Amino acid sequence: MNSRRTFLVSAGAAASQVLARKAAASDRVRVAVLGVNGRGRDHIEGFQGVPGTEVALLCDPDSKILAERAAQFQEKYGRKVETANDLRKVFERKDIDAVGIATPNHWHSLAGIWACQAGKDVYVEKPASHNVFEGRKLVEAAHKYKRIVQHGVQLRSSDAIQEAVQLLRKGVIGKVYMARGLVYRWRPSIGHKPTEPVPAYLDYDLWTGPAQQRPFSRRLVHYNW
């Protein structure tokens, strides 16, 4: 990024820990939040709480949710925020410095790559990709376009985990030859909902993006699974 603005990240991985560094007191890092239904709400609060940083734009293909978030933003922060349905239009904006990606999971890699190509720095929610290929392409884009890209895995970025990694690298417990992990996370059934017409307030093509198009269902949109 140019010398006028630099976007950097602290050791913590929560969106509220993303820090902005300014060359001049009047300079501000302008952030667009992509996807505002779930984790995007945390992105808004996190970026707004960083000195020298402002949320300049909210983007979501669901016009109903987008309007709700914009109204909440104005009530909480005392100013209007721009909105857009199509994230591609956001990447065309020269006045946007960075993006927080809280879209549906299937959008994460492609949105991150496009953001890098457009000269934006990126904070992307987990998972960064659905497969190794996508993840590697995102890393390649970050290097190629010299962008800062942070993946939101909070626990791995915590002080305790970082300290443990350093101790392992120093050989405190000897050479590590195997690691084993196991997670039990039982979730009840989400039930069944029939397919139905797409609501007028949702651009379902934009929501689907690079994923396979499927008949619309309330159990698919939004995060109900």
C-alpha atoms as a PDB file:
ATOM      1  CA  MET A   1       0.000   0.000   0.000  1.00  0.00           C
ATOM      2  CA  ASN A   2       1.174   3.542  -0.610  1.00  0.00           C
ATOM      3  CA  SER A   3       2.965   5.574   2.055  1.00  0.00           C
ATOM      4  CA  ARG A   4      -0.172   7.622   2.698  1.00  0.00           C
ATOM      5  CA  ARG A   5      -2.036   4.714   4.231  1.00  0.00           C
ATOM      6  CA  THR A   6      -0.828   1.528   5.825  1.00  0.00           C
ATOM      7  CA  PHE A   7      -3.137  -1.087   7.259  1.00  0.00           C
ATOM      8  CA  LEU A   8      -1.644  -3.432   9.840  1.00  0.00           C
ATOM      9  CA  VAL A   9      -2.707  -6.094  12.169  1.00  0.00           C
ATOM     10  CA  SER A  10      -2.007  -6.734  15.808  1.00  0.00           C
ATOM     11  CA  ALA A  11      -1.136 -10.141  17.248  1.00  0.00           C
ATOM     12  CA  GLY A  12      -4.800 -10.728  18.105  1.00  0.00           C
ATOM     13  CA  ALA A  13      -7.020 -11.954  15.300  1.00  0.00           C
ATOM     14  CA  ALA A  14     -10.398 -10.543  16.288  1.00  0.00           C
ATOM     15  CA  ALA A  15     -11.716  -7.952  13.885  1.00  0.00           C
ATOM     16  CA  SER A  16     -11.667  -5.391  16.673  1.00  0.00           C
ATOM     17  CA  GLN A  17      -7.890  -5.832  16.915  1.00  0.00           C
ATOM     18  CA  VAL A  18      -7.154  -4.722  13.376  1.00  0.00           C
ATOM     19  CA  LEU A  19      -5.098  -1.545  13.689  1.00  0.00           C
ATOM     20  CA  ALA A  20      -4.619   1.369  11.341  1.00  0.00           C
ATOM     21  CA  ARG A  21      -1.458   3.444  11.094  1.00  0.00           C
ATOM     22  CA  LYS A  22      -1.674   6.950   9.636  1.00  0.00           C
ATOM     23  CA  ALA A  23       0.974   9.162   8.116  1.00  0.00           C
ATOM     24  CA  ALA A  24      -0.995  12.328   8.915  1.00  0.00           C
ATOM     25  CA  ALA A  25      -3.519  13.238  11.579  1.00  0.00           C
ATOM     26  CA  SER A  26      -6.198  13.924   8.960  1.00  0.00           C
ATOM     27  CA  ASP A  27      -5.668  10.607   7.207  1.00  0.00           C
ATOM     28  CA  ARG A  28      -8.162   7.777   7.760  1.00  0.00           C
ATOM     29  CA  VAL A  29      -8.295   4.179   6.638  1.00  0.00           C
ATOM     30  CA  ARG A  30     -11.653   3.592   4.954  1.00  0.00           C
ATOM     31  CA  VAL A  31     -13.038   0.091   5.319  1.00  0.00           C
ATOM     32  CA  ALA A  32     -15.902  -1.685   3.567  1.00  0.00           C
ATOM     33  CA  VAL A  33     -17.606  -4.575   5.356  1.00  0.00           C
ATOM     34  CA  LEU A  34     -18.767  -7.295   2.964  1.00  0.00           C
ATOM     35  CA  GLY A  35     -21.592  -9.335   4.443  1.00  0.00           C
ATOM     36  CA  VAL A  36     -23.431  -7.788   7.384  1.00  0.00           C
ATOM     37  CA  ASN A  37     -25.884 -10.418   8.578  1.00  0.00           C
ATOM     38  CA  GLY A  38     -23.758 -12.390  11.033  1.00  0.00           C
ATOM     39  CA  ARG A  39     -20.077 -11.833  11.777  1.00  0.00           C
ATOM     40  CA  GLY A  40     -20.202  -8.661   9.729  1.00  0.00           C
ATOM     41  CA  ARG A  41     -21.810  -6.939  12.707  1.00  0.00           C
ATOM     42  CA  ASP A  42     -18.674  -7.635  14.719  1.00  0.00           C
ATOM     43  CA  HIS A  43     -16.548  -6.307  11.875  1.00  0.00           C
ATOM     44  CA  ILE A  44     -18.484  -3.051  11.893  1.00  0.00           C
ATOM     45  CA  GLU A  45     -18.003  -2.540  15.630  1.00  0.00           C
ATOM     46  CA  GLY A  46     -14.401  -3.692  15.522  1.00  0.00           C
ATOM     47  CA  PHE A  47     -13.265  -1.421  12.714  1.00  0.00           C
ATOM     48  CA  GLN A  48     -15.242   1.518  14.077  1.00  0.00           C
ATOM     49  CA  GLY A  49     -13.395   1.141  17.366  1.00  0.00           C
ATOM     50  CA  VAL A  50      -9.948   1.474  15.795  1.00  0.00           C
ATOM     51  CA  PRO A  51      -8.509   5.022  15.918  1.00  0.00           C
ATOM     52  CA  GLY A  52      -7.874   6.411  12.452  1.00  0.00           C
ATOM     53  CA  THR A  53     -10.234   3.914  10.841  1.00  0.00           C
ATOM     54  CA  GLU A  54     -13.810   4.314   9.677  1.00  0.00           C
ATOM     55  CA  VAL A  55     -16.377   1.993   8.185  1.00  0.00           C
ATOM     56  CA  ALA A  56     -17.226   3.777   4.952  1.00  0.00           C
ATOM     57  CA  LEU A  57     -19.459   1.229   3.254  1.00  0.00           C
ATOM     58  CA  LEU A  58     -21.629  -1.795   4.002  1.00  0.00           C
ATOM     59  CA  CYS A  59     -22.265  -4.412   1.333  1.00  0.00           C
ATOM     60  CA  ASP A  60     -24.763  -7.268   1.230  1.00  0.00           C
ATOM     61  CA  PRO A  61     -26.936  -8.868  -1.481  1.00  0.00           C
ATOM     62  CA  ASP A  62     -29.825  -8.891   1.008  1.00  0.00           C
ATOM     63  CA  SER A  63     -31.303  -5.395   0.734  1.00  0.00           C
ATOM     64  CA  LYS A  64     -33.511  -5.917   3.792  1.00  0.00           C
ATOM     65  CA  ILE A  65     -30.643  -6.757   6.122  1.00  0.00           C
ATOM     66  CA  LEU A  66     -28.461  -4.104   4.521  1.00  0.00           C
ATOM     67  CA  ALA A  67     -31.046  -1.405   5.245  1.00  0.00           C
ATOM     68  CA  GLU A  68     -31.373  -2.607   8.851  1.00  0.00           C
ATOM     69  CA  ARG A  69     -27.621  -2.475   9.433  1.00  0.00           C
ATOM     70  CA  ALA A  70     -27.333   0.954   7.812  1.00  0.00           C
ATOM     71  CA  ALA A  71     -30.094   2.291  10.076  1.00  0.00           C
ATOM     72  CA  GLN A  72     -28.437   0.764  13.150  1.00  0.00           C
ATOM     73  CA  PHE A  73     -25.109   2.248  12.085  1.00  0.00           C
ATOM     74  CA  GLN A  74     -26.563   5.743  11.786  1.00  0.00           C
ATOM     75  CA  GLU A  75     -28.296   5.468  15.147  1.00  0.00           C
ATOM     76  CA  LYS A  76     -25.164   4.236  16.915  1.00  0.00           C
ATOM     77  CA  TYR A  77     -22.485   6.358  15.239  1.00  0.00           C
ATOM     78  CA  GLY A  78     -24.449   9.461  14.276  1.00  0.00           C
ATOM     79  CA  ARG A  79     -23.716   9.408  10.562  1.00  0.00           C
ATOM     80  CA  LYS A  80     -24.951   7.708   7.430  1.00  0.00           C
ATOM     81  CA  VAL A  81     -22.930   4.938   5.838  1.00  0.00           C
ATOM     82  CA  GLU A  82     -22.887   4.096   2.150  1.00  0.00           C
ATOM     83  CA  THR A  83     -24.375   0.793   1.029  1.00  0.00           C
ATOM     84  CA  ALA A  84     -24.009  -1.524  -1.950  1.00  0.00           C
ATOM     85  CA  ASN A  85     -25.406  -4.899  -2.960  1.00  0.00           C
ATOM     86  CA  ASP A  86     -22.630  -5.988  -5.317  1.00  0.00           C
ATOM     87  CA  LEU A  87     -19.161  -6.488  -3.840  1.00  0.00           C
ATOM     88  CA  ARG A  88     -17.616  -6.103  -7.289  1.00  0.00           C
ATOM     89  CA  LYS A  89     -18.672  -2.469  -7.250  1.00  0.00           C
ATOM     90  CA  VAL A  90     -16.917  -2.050  -3.912  1.00  0.00           C
ATOM     91  CA  PHE A  91     -13.641  -3.325  -5.341  1.00  0.00           C
ATOM     92  CA  GLU A  92     -13.866  -0.687  -8.083  1.00  0.00           C
ATOM     93  CA  ARG A  93     -13.889   2.085  -5.491  1.00  0.00           C
ATOM     94  CA  LYS A  94     -10.560   3.910  -5.224  1.00  0.00           C
ATOM     95  CA  ASP A  95     -11.561   5.467  -1.895  1.00  0.00           C
ATOM     96  CA  ILE A  96     -11.822   2.113  -0.095  1.00  0.00           C
ATOM     97  CA  ASP A  97      -8.542   0.999   1.496  1.00  0.00           C
ATOM     98  CA  ALA A  98      -9.466  -2.320   3.082  1.00  0.00           C
ATOM     99  CA  VAL A  99     -12.307  -4.808   3.346  1.00  0.00           C
ATOM    100  CA  GLY A 100     -13.649  -7.060   6.063  1.00  0.00           C
ATOM    101  CA  ILE A 101     -15.015 -10.229   4.467  1.00  0.00           C
ATOM    102  CA  ALA A 102     -17.901 -11.778   6.404  1.00  0.00           C
ATOM    103  CA  THR A 103     -19.791 -13.118   3.413  1.00  0.00           C
ATOM    104  CA  PRO A 104     -21.100 -16.688   3.185  1.00  0.00           C
ATOM    105  CA  ASN A 105     -18.171 -19.113   3.377  1.00  0.00           C
ATOM    106  CA  HIS A 106     -18.169 -20.013  -0.306  1.00  0.00           C
ATOM    107  CA  TRP A 107     -17.321 -16.395  -1.171  1.00  0.00           C
ATOM    108  CA  HIS A 108     -14.305 -15.982   1.128  1.00  0.00           C
ATOM    109  CA  SER A 109     -11.432 -16.985  -1.163  1.00  0.00           C
ATOM    110  CA  LEU A 110     -12.664 -15.321  -4.336  1.00  0.00           C
ATOM    111  CA  ALA A 111     -13.625 -12.111  -2.544  1.00  0.00           C
ATOM    112  CA  GLY A 112     -10.199 -12.020  -0.912  1.00  0.00           C
ATOM    113  CA  ILE A 113      -8.429 -12.548  -4.230  1.00  0.00           C
ATOM    114  CA  TRP A 114     -10.482  -9.855  -5.946  1.00  0.00           C
ATOM    115  CA  ALA A 115      -9.793  -7.482  -3.067  1.00  0.00           C
ATOM    116  CA  CYS A 116      -6.043  -8.038  -3.419  1.00  0.00           C
ATOM    117  CA  GLN A 117      -6.247  -7.481  -7.163  1.00  0.00           C
ATOM    118  CA  ALA A 118      -8.074  -4.223  -6.504  1.00  0.00           C
ATOM    119  CA  GLY A 119      -5.365  -3.018  -4.112  1.00  0.00           C
ATOM    120  CA  LYS A 120      -7.318  -3.535  -0.886  1.00  0.00           C
ATOM    121  CA  ASP A 121      -5.973  -5.025   2.333  1.00  0.00           C
ATOM    122  CA  VAL A 122      -8.095  -7.822   3.740  1.00  0.00           C
ATOM    123  CA  TYR A 123      -9.458  -9.273   6.966  1.00  0.00           C
ATOM    124  CA  VAL A 124     -11.245 -12.502   6.016  1.00  0.00           C
ATOM    125  CA  GLU A 125     -13.378 -14.627   8.295  1.00  0.00           C
ATOM    126  CA  LYS A 126     -12.787 -18.326   8.703  1.00  0.00           C
ATOM    127  CA  PRO A 127     -12.768 -20.486   6.731  1.00  0.00           C
ATOM    128  CA  ALA A 128     -10.449 -18.703   4.322  1.00  0.00           C
ATOM    129  CA  SER A 129     -11.207 -21.402   1.769  1.00  0.00           C
ATOM    130  CA  HIS A 130     -13.161 -24.579   1.159  1.00  0.00           C
ATOM    131  CA  ASN A 131     -10.103 -26.434  -0.088  1.00  0.00           C
ATOM    132  CA  VAL A 132      -6.311 -26.216  -0.249  1.00  0.00           C
ATOM    133  CA  PHE A 133      -6.283 -24.950  -3.840  1.00  0.00           C
ATOM    134  CA  GLU A 134      -8.444 -21.914  -3.044  1.00  0.00           C
ATOM    135  CA  GLY A 135      -6.415 -21.113   0.043  1.00  0.00           C
ATOM    136  CA  ARG A 136      -3.141 -21.236  -1.853  1.00  0.00           C
ATOM    137  CA  LYS A 137      -4.511 -18.948  -4.548  1.00  0.00           C
ATOM    138  CA  LEU A 138      -5.487 -16.410  -1.899  1.00  0.00           C
ATOM    139  CA  VAL A 139      -1.977 -16.543  -0.429  1.00  0.00           C
ATOM    140  CA  GLU A 140      -0.496 -16.158  -3.909  1.00  0.00           C
ATOM    141  CA  ALA A 141      -2.684 -13.114  -4.545  1.00  0.00           C
ATOM    142  CA  ALA A 142      -1.596 -11.507  -1.272  1.00  0.00           C
ATOM    143  CA  HIS A 143       2.068 -11.892  -2.262  1.00  0.00           C
ATOM    144  CA  LYS A 144       1.608 -10.953  -5.907  1.00  0.00           C
ATOM    145  CA  TYR A 145      -0.292  -7.740  -5.194  1.00  0.00           C
ATOM    146  CA  LYS A 146       1.611  -6.989  -1.978  1.00  0.00           C
ATOM    147  CA  ARG A 147      -1.484  -6.864   0.196  1.00  0.00           C
ATOM    148  CA  ILE A 148      -1.907  -7.529   3.901  1.00  0.00           C
ATOM    149  CA  VAL A 149      -4.345 -10.407   4.405  1.00  0.00           C
ATOM    150  CA  GLN A 150      -5.336 -11.655   7.848  1.00  0.00           C
ATOM    151  CA  HIS A 151      -7.390 -14.780   8.443  1.00  0.00           C
ATOM    152  CA  GLY A 152      -9.725 -14.492  11.421  1.00  0.00           C
ATOM    153  CA  VAL A 153      -8.691 -17.458  13.538  1.00  0.00           C
ATOM    154  CA  GLN A 154      -8.813 -15.840  16.944  1.00  0.00           C
ATOM    155  CA  LEU A 155      -7.534 -18.694  19.108  1.00  0.00           C
ATOM    156  CA  ARG A 156      -4.438 -19.322  17.008  1.00  0.00           C
ATOM    157  CA  SER A 157      -3.566 -15.634  17.245  1.00  0.00           C
ATOM    158  CA  SER A 158      -3.977 -15.426  21.023  1.00  0.00           C
ATOM    159  CA  ASP A 159      -0.997 -14.601  23.231  1.00  0.00           C
ATOM    160  CA  ALA A 160      -1.075 -18.023  24.892  1.00  0.00           C
ATOM    161  CA  ILE A 161      -0.942 -19.945  21.618  1.00  0.00           C
ATOM    162  CA  GLN A 162       1.819 -17.738  20.233  1.00  0.00           C
ATOM    163  CA  GLU A 163       3.871 -18.311  23.384  1.00  0.00           C
ATOM    164  CA  ALA A 164       3.330 -22.066  23.151  1.00  0.00           C
ATOM    165  CA  VAL A 165       4.484 -22.098  19.521  1.00  0.00           C
ATOM    166  CA  GLN A 166       7.651 -20.208  20.424  1.00  0.00           C
ATOM    167  CA  LEU A 167       8.409 -22.690  23.201  1.00  0.00           C
ATOM    168  CA  LEU A 168       7.906 -25.598  20.815  1.00  0.00           C
ATOM    169  CA  ARG A 169      10.253 -24.024  18.302  1.00  0.00           C
ATOM    170  CA  LYS A 170      12.879 -23.632  21.013  1.00  0.00           C
ATOM    171  CA  GLY A 171      12.684 -27.366  21.665  1.00  0.00           C
ATOM    172  CA  VAL A 172      11.427 -27.110  25.240  1.00  0.00           C
ATOM    173  CA  ILE A 173       9.674 -30.490  24.978  1.00  0.00           C
ATOM    174  CA  GLY A 174      12.061 -31.969  22.437  1.00  0.00           C
ATOM    175  CA  LYS A 175      11.340 -32.821  18.828  1.00  0.00           C
ATOM    176  CA  VAL A 176       7.636 -33.014  18.054  1.00  0.00           C
ATOM    177  CA  TYR A 177       6.967 -35.967  15.765  1.00  0.00           C
ATOM    178  CA  MET A 178       3.193 -36.219  16.023  1.00  0.00           C
ATOM    179  CA  ALA A 179       0.188 -34.133  17.031  1.00  0.00           C
ATOM    180  CA  ARG A 180      -3.326 -35.412  17.484  1.00  0.00           C
ATOM    181  CA  GLY A 181      -6.516 -33.368  17.646  1.00  0.00           C
ATOM    182  CA  LEU A 182     -10.119 -34.314  18.281  1.00  0.00           C
ATOM    183  CA  VAL A 183     -13.213 -32.139  18.398  1.00  0.00           C
ATOM    184  CA  TYR A 184     -16.751 -33.137  19.346  1.00  0.00           C
ATOM    185  CA  ARG A 185     -19.313 -30.548  18.433  1.00  0.00           C
ATOM    186  CA  TRP A 186     -22.770 -32.008  18.363  1.00  0.00           C
ATOM    187  CA  ARG A 187     -25.368 -29.937  16.545  1.00  0.00           C
ATOM    188  CA  PRO A 188     -29.062 -30.785  16.332  1.00  0.00           C
ATOM    189  CA  SER A 189     -30.842 -31.079  13.007  1.00  0.00           C
ATOM    190  CA  ILE A 190     -31.861 -27.814  11.351  1.00  0.00           C
ATOM    191  CA  GLY A 191     -35.013 -29.477  10.058  1.00  0.00           C
ATOM    192  CA  HIS A 192     -36.430 -29.194   6.564  1.00  0.00           C
ATOM    193  CA  LYS A 193     -37.884 -26.284   4.649  1.00  0.00           C
ATOM    194  CA  PRO A 194     -39.359 -26.603   1.166  1.00  0.00           C
ATOM    195  CA  THR A 195     -37.963 -24.657  -1.751  1.00  0.00           C
ATOM    196  CA  GLU A 196     -39.762 -21.417  -2.555  1.00  0.00           C
ATOM    197  CA  PRO A 197     -39.469 -18.304  -4.718  1.00  0.00           C
ATOM    198  CA  VAL A 198     -36.529 -16.034  -3.966  1.00  0.00           C
ATOM    199  CA  PRO A 199     -37.613 -13.001  -1.877  1.00  0.00           C
ATOM    200  CA  ALA A 200     -37.621  -9.704  -3.763  1.00  0.00           C
ATOM    201  CA  TYR A 201     -35.140  -8.190  -1.315  1.00  0.00           C
ATOM    202  CA  LEU A 202     -32.443 -10.812  -1.992  1.00  0.00           C
ATOM    203  CA  ASP A 203     -30.151 -10.978  -5.024  1.00  0.00           C
ATOM    204  CA  TYR A 204     -29.782 -14.737  -4.919  1.00  0.00           C
ATOM    205  CA  ASP A 205     -27.332 -14.861  -7.823  1.00  0.00           C
ATOM    206  CA  LEU A 206     -24.969 -12.560  -5.931  1.00  0.00           C
ATOM    207  CA  TRP A 207     -25.457 -14.514  -2.721  1.00  0.00           C
ATOM    208  CA  THR A 208     -24.598 -17.763  -4.519  1.00  0.00           C
ATOM    209  CA  GLY A 209     -21.618 -16.290  -6.373  1.00  0.00           C
ATOM    210  CA  PRO A 210     -19.022 -18.988  -7.151  1.00  0.00           C
ATOM    211  CA  ALA A 211     -21.035 -21.769  -5.485  1.00  0.00           C
ATOM    212  CA  GLN A 212     -23.325 -24.172  -7.294  1.00  0.00           C
ATOM    213  CA  GLN A 213     -26.779 -22.709  -7.878  1.00  0.00           C
ATOM    214  CA  ARG A 214     -29.452 -24.485  -5.866  1.00  0.00           C
ATOM    215  CA  PRO A 215     -33.194 -23.912  -5.437  1.00  0.00           C
ATOM    216  CA  PHE A 216     -33.821 -21.265  -2.790  1.00  0.00           C
ATOM    217  CA  SER A 217     -34.701 -22.445   0.712  1.00  0.00           C
ATOM    218  CA  ARG A 218     -34.893 -20.714   4.094  1.00  0.00           C
ATOM    219  CA  ARG A 219     -32.647 -23.456   5.448  1.00  0.00           C
ATOM    220  CA  LEU A 220     -29.955 -22.445   2.979  1.00  0.00           C
ATOM    221  CA  VAL A 221     -30.160 -18.661   3.254  1.00  0.00           C
ATOM    222  CA  HIS A 222     -28.951 -17.294   5.537  1.00  0.00           C
ATOM    223  CA  TYR A 223     -26.813 -19.164   8.044  1.00  0.00           C
ATOM    224  CA  ASN A 224     -29.305 -21.782   9.183  1.00  0.00           C
ATOM    225  CA  TRP A 225     -27.203 -24.917   8.860  1.00  0.00           C
END
